Every structure is written in structure tokens, then in C-alpha cells.
Amino acid sequence: MPFLKKRTDCHYEIYLDNTDKVLGDVLIDNKRVMLEYSSELLLEEYIIIHDIISRLREGNDVTVDDSKSFLGYLSNGEPAYMITNWEPWIQYLQSSMKNCL
């Protein structure tokens, strides 16, 4: 489970509770919240970042720009991002893993 560690009034770090590994940063200013994270996370860590974004969106009228969060492609060639095409991408990965067994 992730937790946030406050660094300044507008900067938090995302940690896993069982490690000292920083997954990313949450930066807050007057009108936006920005998440920055490595492009080399494990799938489970990407899921955590996705969940954080989803929770921030709940009950809020917000716009998410995930254009810089490219994760890969779907089987039909469409790009997948942290929000856009997330579910189809996860399903594609899971079906690909089944074929590898």
C-alpha cells in the first residue's frame, strides 16, 4: 500500500509502505496536481500510480492530461496511457502473460 511523505507544502513523495523506494512525486500548485514517476516501474507500481490518480479524480470535476504517460500499445496498435486505454491495456497484458505460461 502506498503512502505520501510530505516534503514541503506543495511536494509529497509516494512510497510503498514496505520499502524505502520512492515511486514518484506529487506536486501541488494553485490550480493543478502533477504526478511525476519513473518510466521503469513494475506493473504493480504502475497500478498504484493509476489508483492514486483515480482516487484524486473521484468526486472532482477535473481534467487529466495523461499524454506524457505512455505505457505501450494495445493489440490493435492503439497507444495506452495511465488513464486513456488503461483497462484494455491491463487486459492485454494479462492475456499476454497467460500465453507465456
N, C-alpha and C. Protein backbone atom coordinates (compact mmCIF):
# COMPACT_ATOMS: atom_id res chain seq x y z
N MET A 1 0.84 -1.18 0.00
CA MET A 1 0.00 0.00 0.00
C MET A 1 0.89 1.25 0.00
N PRO A 2 0.55 2.25 -0.79
CA PRO A 2 1.39 3.45 -0.87
C PRO A 2 1.08 4.42 0.27
N PHE A 3 2.03 5.27 0.53
CA PHE A 3 1.76 6.38 1.42
C PHE A 3 2.53 7.59 0.93
N LEU A 4 2.05 8.75 1.33
CA LEU A 4 2.67 10.00 0.92
C LEU A 4 3.48 10.57 2.06
N LYS A 5 4.66 11.04 1.75
CA LYS A 5 5.53 11.68 2.73
C LYS A 5 5.67 13.15 2.33
N LYS A 6 5.25 14.02 3.22
CA LYS A 6 5.29 15.45 2.93
C LYS A 6 6.73 15.96 2.99
N ARG A 7 7.15 16.61 1.93
CA ARG A 7 8.48 17.22 1.87
C ARG A 7 8.40 18.73 2.06
N THR A 8 7.42 19.35 1.40
CA THR A 8 7.15 20.78 1.58
C THR A 8 5.64 20.94 1.49
N ASP A 9 5.15 22.16 1.57
CA ASP A 9 3.70 22.40 1.46
C ASP A 9 3.14 21.98 0.11
N CYS A 10 3.99 21.93 -0.91
CA CYS A 10 3.49 21.60 -2.24
C CYS A 10 4.18 20.38 -2.86
N HIS A 11 4.92 19.62 -2.07
CA HIS A 11 5.65 18.46 -2.59
C HIS A 11 5.52 17.28 -1.64
N TYR A 12 5.02 16.17 -2.19
CA TYR A 12 4.91 14.91 -1.46
C TYR A 12 5.61 13.82 -2.26
N GLU A 13 6.16 12.83 -1.57
CA GLU A 13 6.75 11.68 -2.24
C GLU A 13 5.84 10.48 -2.02
N ILE A 14 5.74 9.63 -3.04
CA ILE A 14 4.93 8.42 -2.97
C ILE A 14 5.86 7.26 -2.64
N TYR A 15 5.59 6.59 -1.53
CA TYR A 15 6.37 5.43 -1.10
C TYR A 15 5.49 4.20 -1.01
N LEU A 16 6.11 3.04 -1.08
CA LEU A 16 5.44 1.81 -0.69
C LEU A 16 5.69 1.64 0.80
N ASP A 17 4.71 1.16 1.53
CA ASP A 17 4.85 1.07 2.98
C ASP A 17 5.86 0.02 3.42
N ASN A 18 6.20 -0.93 2.56
CA ASN A 18 7.13 -1.97 2.98
C ASN A 18 8.55 -1.78 2.44
N THR A 19 8.81 -0.64 1.78
CA THR A 19 10.16 -0.38 1.26
C THR A 19 10.48 1.11 1.42
N ASP A 20 11.70 1.43 1.13
CA ASP A 20 12.11 2.84 1.12
C ASP A 20 12.10 3.39 -0.31
N LYS A 21 11.57 2.63 -1.24
CA LYS A 21 11.56 3.02 -2.65
C LYS A 21 10.56 4.13 -2.90
N VAL A 22 11.03 5.23 -3.47
CA VAL A 22 10.15 6.32 -3.88
C VAL A 22 9.60 5.99 -5.26
N LEU A 23 8.27 5.89 -5.36
CA LEU A 23 7.65 5.61 -6.64
C LEU A 23 7.49 6.86 -7.49
N GLY A 24 7.33 8.00 -6.82
CA GLY A 24 7.13 9.23 -7.56
C GLY A 24 6.90 10.41 -6.64
N ASP A 25 6.55 11.51 -7.25
CA ASP A 25 6.32 12.75 -6.53
C ASP A 25 4.96 13.31 -6.88
N VAL A 26 4.33 13.95 -5.91
CA VAL A 26 3.09 14.69 -6.12
C VAL A 26 3.42 16.15 -5.88
N LEU A 27 3.20 16.96 -6.89
CA LEU A 27 3.48 18.39 -6.83
C LEU A 27 2.17 19.14 -6.94
N ILE A 28 1.93 20.06 -6.03
CA ILE A 28 0.66 20.77 -5.95
C ILE A 28 0.91 22.26 -6.11
N ASP A 29 0.12 22.90 -6.98
CA ASP A 29 0.13 24.36 -7.02
C ASP A 29 -1.31 24.83 -6.96
N ASN A 30 -1.56 26.08 -7.24
CA ASN A 30 -2.89 26.67 -7.06
C ASN A 30 -4.00 25.97 -7.84
N LYS A 31 -3.72 25.53 -9.04
CA LYS A 31 -4.79 25.02 -9.89
C LYS A 31 -4.57 23.60 -10.39
N ARG A 32 -3.49 22.95 -9.99
CA ARG A 32 -3.27 21.60 -10.52
C ARG A 32 -2.47 20.75 -9.55
N VAL A 33 -2.59 19.46 -9.78
CA VAL A 33 -1.81 18.45 -9.08
C VAL A 33 -1.07 17.67 -10.15
N MET A 34 0.24 17.56 -10.01
CA MET A 34 1.03 16.86 -11.01
C MET A 34 1.74 15.69 -10.36
N LEU A 35 1.66 14.52 -10.99
CA LEU A 35 2.38 13.35 -10.52
C LEU A 35 3.54 13.10 -11.46
N GLU A 36 4.70 12.89 -10.88
CA GLU A 36 5.89 12.53 -11.65
C GLU A 36 6.37 11.19 -11.12
N TYR A 37 6.72 10.28 -12.02
CA TYR A 37 7.16 8.95 -11.63
C TYR A 37 8.06 8.39 -12.71
N SER A 38 8.80 7.35 -12.35
CA SER A 38 9.72 6.71 -13.27
C SER A 38 8.97 5.99 -14.38
N SER A 39 9.59 5.90 -15.53
CA SER A 39 9.00 5.13 -16.62
C SER A 39 9.44 3.67 -16.55
N GLU A 40 10.14 3.32 -15.48
CA GLU A 40 10.64 1.95 -15.33
C GLU A 40 10.14 1.31 -14.04
N LEU A 41 8.84 1.47 -13.77
CA LEU A 41 8.25 0.84 -12.60
C LEU A 41 7.78 -0.57 -12.93
N LEU A 42 7.57 -1.36 -11.90
CA LEU A 42 6.95 -2.67 -12.07
C LEU A 42 5.47 -2.46 -12.32
N LEU A 43 4.81 -3.45 -12.92
CA LEU A 43 3.39 -3.33 -13.21
C LEU A 43 2.60 -2.99 -11.95
N GLU A 44 2.91 -3.65 -10.84
CA GLU A 44 2.20 -3.39 -9.59
C GLU A 44 2.35 -1.94 -9.15
N GLU A 45 3.49 -1.35 -9.45
CA GLU A 45 3.75 0.04 -9.08
C GLU A 45 2.97 1.00 -9.99
N TYR A 46 2.87 0.65 -11.28
CA TYR A 46 2.04 1.45 -12.19
C TYR A 46 0.58 1.40 -11.74
N ILE A 47 0.14 0.25 -11.26
CA ILE A 47 -1.23 0.11 -10.78
C ILE A 47 -1.46 1.04 -9.58
N ILE A 48 -0.47 1.15 -8.71
CA ILE A 48 -0.58 2.05 -7.56
C ILE A 48 -0.71 3.50 -8.02
N ILE A 49 0.12 3.90 -8.97
CA ILE A 49 0.05 5.27 -9.50
C ILE A 49 -1.32 5.51 -10.14
N HIS A 50 -1.80 4.54 -10.93
CA HIS A 50 -3.13 4.66 -11.55
C HIS A 50 -4.20 4.82 -10.47
N ASP A 51 -4.11 4.04 -9.41
CA ASP A 51 -5.10 4.13 -8.33
C ASP A 51 -5.07 5.49 -7.64
N ILE A 52 -3.89 6.04 -7.45
CA ILE A 52 -3.78 7.38 -6.84
C ILE A 52 -4.47 8.41 -7.73
N ILE A 53 -4.21 8.35 -9.03
CA ILE A 53 -4.86 9.28 -9.96
C ILE A 53 -6.37 9.10 -9.92
N SER A 54 -6.82 7.86 -9.93
CA SER A 54 -8.26 7.59 -9.91
C SER A 54 -8.91 8.13 -8.65
N ARG A 55 -8.24 7.98 -7.52
CA ARG A 55 -8.79 8.49 -6.26
C ARG A 55 -8.84 10.01 -6.24
N LEU A 56 -7.84 10.64 -6.83
CA LEU A 56 -7.84 12.10 -6.90
C LEU A 56 -8.98 12.61 -7.78
N ARG A 57 -9.36 11.81 -8.78
CA ARG A 57 -10.43 12.20 -9.71
C ARG A 57 -11.81 12.00 -9.11
N GLU A 58 -11.96 11.07 -8.17
CA GLU A 58 -13.27 10.73 -7.61
C GLU A 58 -13.95 11.95 -7.01
N GLY A 59 -15.16 12.21 -7.47
CA GLY A 59 -15.96 13.29 -6.91
C GLY A 59 -15.49 14.68 -7.26
N ASN A 60 -14.51 14.79 -8.13
CA ASN A 60 -13.98 16.09 -8.53
C ASN A 60 -14.16 16.26 -10.03
N ASP A 61 -14.48 17.47 -10.43
CA ASP A 61 -14.59 17.79 -11.84
C ASP A 61 -13.21 18.23 -12.31
N VAL A 62 -12.41 17.25 -12.74
CA VAL A 62 -11.03 17.55 -13.12
C VAL A 62 -10.74 17.02 -14.52
N THR A 63 -9.74 17.59 -15.12
CA THR A 63 -9.23 17.13 -16.40
C THR A 63 -7.87 16.49 -16.15
N VAL A 64 -7.68 15.29 -16.67
CA VAL A 64 -6.40 14.60 -16.52
C VAL A 64 -5.70 14.61 -17.87
N ASP A 65 -4.49 15.15 -17.88
CA ASP A 65 -3.66 15.12 -19.08
C ASP A 65 -2.65 14.00 -18.89
N ASP A 66 -2.92 12.87 -19.52
CA ASP A 66 -2.01 11.73 -19.39
C ASP A 66 -1.16 11.53 -20.64
N SER A 67 -1.06 12.57 -21.46
CA SER A 67 -0.35 12.47 -22.73
C SER A 67 1.14 12.18 -22.58
N LYS A 68 1.70 12.40 -21.41
CA LYS A 68 3.12 12.11 -21.19
C LYS A 68 3.32 10.84 -20.36
N SER A 69 2.28 10.00 -20.32
CA SER A 69 2.36 8.78 -19.51
C SER A 69 2.22 7.52 -20.36
N PHE A 70 2.82 7.53 -21.54
CA PHE A 70 2.73 6.40 -22.47
C PHE A 70 3.23 5.12 -21.81
N LEU A 71 2.40 4.06 -21.91
CA LEU A 71 2.74 2.77 -21.31
C LEU A 71 3.06 1.69 -22.34
N GLY A 72 2.45 1.77 -23.50
CA GLY A 72 2.64 0.75 -24.52
C GLY A 72 1.49 0.78 -25.51
N TYR A 73 1.38 -0.30 -26.26
CA TYR A 73 0.34 -0.38 -27.28
C TYR A 73 -0.59 -1.56 -27.00
N LEU A 74 -1.83 -1.41 -27.44
CA LEU A 74 -2.79 -2.50 -27.40
C LEU A 74 -2.56 -3.39 -28.62
N SER A 75 -3.21 -4.52 -28.67
CA SER A 75 -3.03 -5.44 -29.80
C SER A 75 -3.46 -4.82 -31.13
N ASN A 76 -4.37 -3.84 -31.08
CA ASN A 76 -4.82 -3.18 -32.31
C ASN A 76 -3.95 -1.97 -32.68
N GLY A 77 -2.88 -1.75 -31.92
CA GLY A 77 -1.95 -0.67 -32.23
C GLY A 77 -2.26 0.66 -31.56
N GLU A 78 -3.39 0.74 -30.85
CA GLU A 78 -3.71 1.98 -30.15
C GLU A 78 -2.76 2.17 -28.97
N PRO A 79 -2.37 3.41 -28.70
CA PRO A 79 -1.50 3.65 -27.55
C PRO A 79 -2.29 3.58 -26.24
N ALA A 80 -1.59 3.21 -25.19
CA ALA A 80 -2.19 3.16 -23.85
C ALA A 80 -1.41 4.10 -22.94
N TYR A 81 -2.16 4.79 -22.08
CA TYR A 81 -1.58 5.75 -21.14
C TYR A 81 -2.10 5.44 -19.74
N MET A 82 -1.70 6.21 -18.78
CA MET A 82 -2.05 5.95 -17.39
C MET A 82 -3.56 5.97 -17.15
N ILE A 83 -4.31 6.74 -17.92
CA ILE A 83 -5.77 6.76 -17.82
C ILE A 83 -6.39 6.28 -19.14
N THR A 84 -5.99 6.87 -20.23
CA THR A 84 -6.53 6.52 -21.54
C THR A 84 -6.15 5.09 -21.92
N ASN A 85 -7.15 4.27 -22.19
CA ASN A 85 -6.97 2.86 -22.56
C ASN A 85 -6.33 2.02 -21.46
N TRP A 86 -6.44 2.45 -20.22
CA TRP A 86 -5.84 1.72 -19.10
C TRP A 86 -6.39 0.30 -18.99
N GLU A 87 -7.71 0.18 -18.91
CA GLU A 87 -8.33 -1.14 -18.72
C GLU A 87 -8.01 -2.10 -19.88
N PRO A 88 -8.15 -1.65 -21.13
CA PRO A 88 -7.79 -2.55 -22.23
C PRO A 88 -6.31 -2.95 -22.18
N TRP A 89 -5.45 -2.04 -21.74
CA TRP A 89 -4.01 -2.34 -21.67
C TRP A 89 -3.75 -3.41 -20.61
N ILE A 90 -4.37 -3.27 -19.44
CA ILE A 90 -4.21 -4.26 -18.37
C ILE A 90 -4.72 -5.61 -18.85
N GLN A 91 -5.88 -5.63 -19.50
CA GLN A 91 -6.44 -6.89 -20.03
C GLN A 91 -5.50 -7.51 -21.06
N TYR A 92 -4.93 -6.67 -21.92
CA TYR A 92 -3.99 -7.15 -22.94
C TYR A 92 -2.76 -7.77 -22.28
N LEU A 93 -2.22 -7.10 -21.27
CA LEU A 93 -1.06 -7.65 -20.57
C LEU A 93 -1.38 -8.98 -19.90
N GLN A 94 -2.53 -9.04 -19.25
CA GLN A 94 -2.92 -10.27 -18.56
C GLN A 94 -3.10 -11.42 -19.55
N SER A 95 -3.71 -11.15 -20.69
CA SER A 95 -3.89 -12.21 -21.69
C SER A 95 -2.54 -12.62 -22.29
N SER A 96 -1.63 -11.67 -22.43
CA SER A 96 -0.29 -12.00 -22.95
C SER A 96 0.47 -12.86 -21.96
N MET A 97 0.32 -12.57 -20.66
CA MET A 97 1.00 -13.36 -19.64
C MET A 97 0.47 -14.79 -19.60
N LYS A 98 -0.83 -14.96 -19.82
CA LYS A 98 -1.41 -16.31 -19.86
C LYS A 98 -0.82 -17.12 -21.00
N ASN A 99 -0.57 -16.44 -22.13
CA ASN A 99 0.00 -17.14 -23.29
C ASN A 99 1.45 -17.54 -23.05
N CYS A 100 2.12 -16.92 -22.10
CA CYS A 100 3.53 -17.21 -21.83
C CYS A 100 3.70 -18.41 -20.88
N LEU A 101 2.63 -18.79 -20.20
CA LEU A 101 2.74 -19.88 -19.23
C LEU A 101 2.86 -21.20 -19.87
